[in-house]
């Protein structure tokens, strides 16, 4: 959750497998990619991984 001063959303919800749309998947992958970059780690999960996970979840 985020405070109003930091963004427009302030609640979370669970979304599973086939209910995850392309926009949500892109947002999640962007967050993953940014976190890896900020911590100097190695990006080993690809966008294809997340797409496959969504289809098989």
Protein backbone atom coordinates (compact mmCIF):
# COMPACT_ATOMS: atom_id res chain seq x y z
CA UNK A 1 0.00 0.00 0.00
CA UNK A 2 1.10 3.53 -0.67
CA UNK A 3 0.17 6.77 1.04
CA UNK A 4 -1.75 9.32 -1.01
CA UNK A 5 1.27 11.62 -1.08
CA UNK A 6 3.27 8.97 -2.95
CA UNK A 7 0.74 7.82 -5.50
CA UNK A 8 -2.85 7.46 -6.53
CA UNK A 9 -3.39 3.87 -5.41
CA UNK A 10 -3.63 2.70 -1.83
CA UNK A 11 -4.83 -0.88 -1.92
CA UNK A 12 -3.66 -4.25 -3.09
CA UNK A 13 -5.46 -7.26 -4.46
CA UNK A 14 -4.52 -10.79 -5.44
CA UNK A 15 -4.63 -11.69 -9.13
CA UNK A 16 -3.97 -15.22 -10.35
CA UNK A 17 -2.78 -16.78 -13.58
CA UNK A 18 -5.17 -16.16 -16.43
CA UNK A 19 -6.65 -13.14 -14.60
CA UNK A 20 -3.35 -11.23 -14.97
CA UNK A 21 -3.64 -8.87 -17.92
CA UNK A 22 -0.78 -7.59 -20.09
CA UNK A 23 -0.62 -4.22 -18.31
CA UNK A 24 -0.27 -5.90 -14.91
CA UNK A 25 2.37 -8.28 -16.23
CA UNK A 26 4.35 -5.39 -17.70
CA UNK A 27 4.15 -3.47 -14.42
CA UNK A 28 5.32 -6.48 -12.42
CA UNK A 29 8.22 -7.16 -14.79
CA UNK A 30 9.23 -3.47 -14.71
CA UNK A 31 9.26 -3.55 -10.90
CA UNK A 32 11.36 -6.73 -10.94
CA UNK A 33 13.78 -5.23 -13.47
CA UNK A 34 14.11 -1.97 -11.51
CA UNK A 35 14.72 -3.77 -8.22
CA UNK A 36 17.47 -5.88 -9.80
CA UNK A 37 19.10 -2.74 -11.25
CA UNK A 38 18.92 -0.86 -7.94
CA UNK A 39 20.58 -3.69 -6.03
CA UNK A 40 23.23 -4.49 -8.62
CA UNK A 41 22.06 -8.03 -9.05
CA UNK A 42 21.82 -10.21 -12.14
CA UNK A 43 18.62 -10.19 -14.20
CA UNK A 44 17.95 -13.91 -14.67
CA UNK A 45 14.16 -14.08 -15.01
CA UNK A 46 12.97 -13.01 -18.46
CA UNK A 47 9.66 -11.49 -19.47
CA UNK A 48 8.97 -14.79 -21.26
CA UNK A 49 9.31 -16.54 -17.88
CA UNK A 50 6.56 -14.36 -16.41
CA UNK A 51 4.34 -14.87 -19.46
CA UNK A 52 4.77 -18.64 -19.22
CA UNK A 53 4.15 -18.56 -15.48
CA UNK A 54 0.91 -16.63 -16.06
CA UNK A 55 -0.29 -19.23 -18.58
CA UNK A 56 0.55 -22.18 -16.33
CA UNK A 57 -0.51 -20.79 -12.95
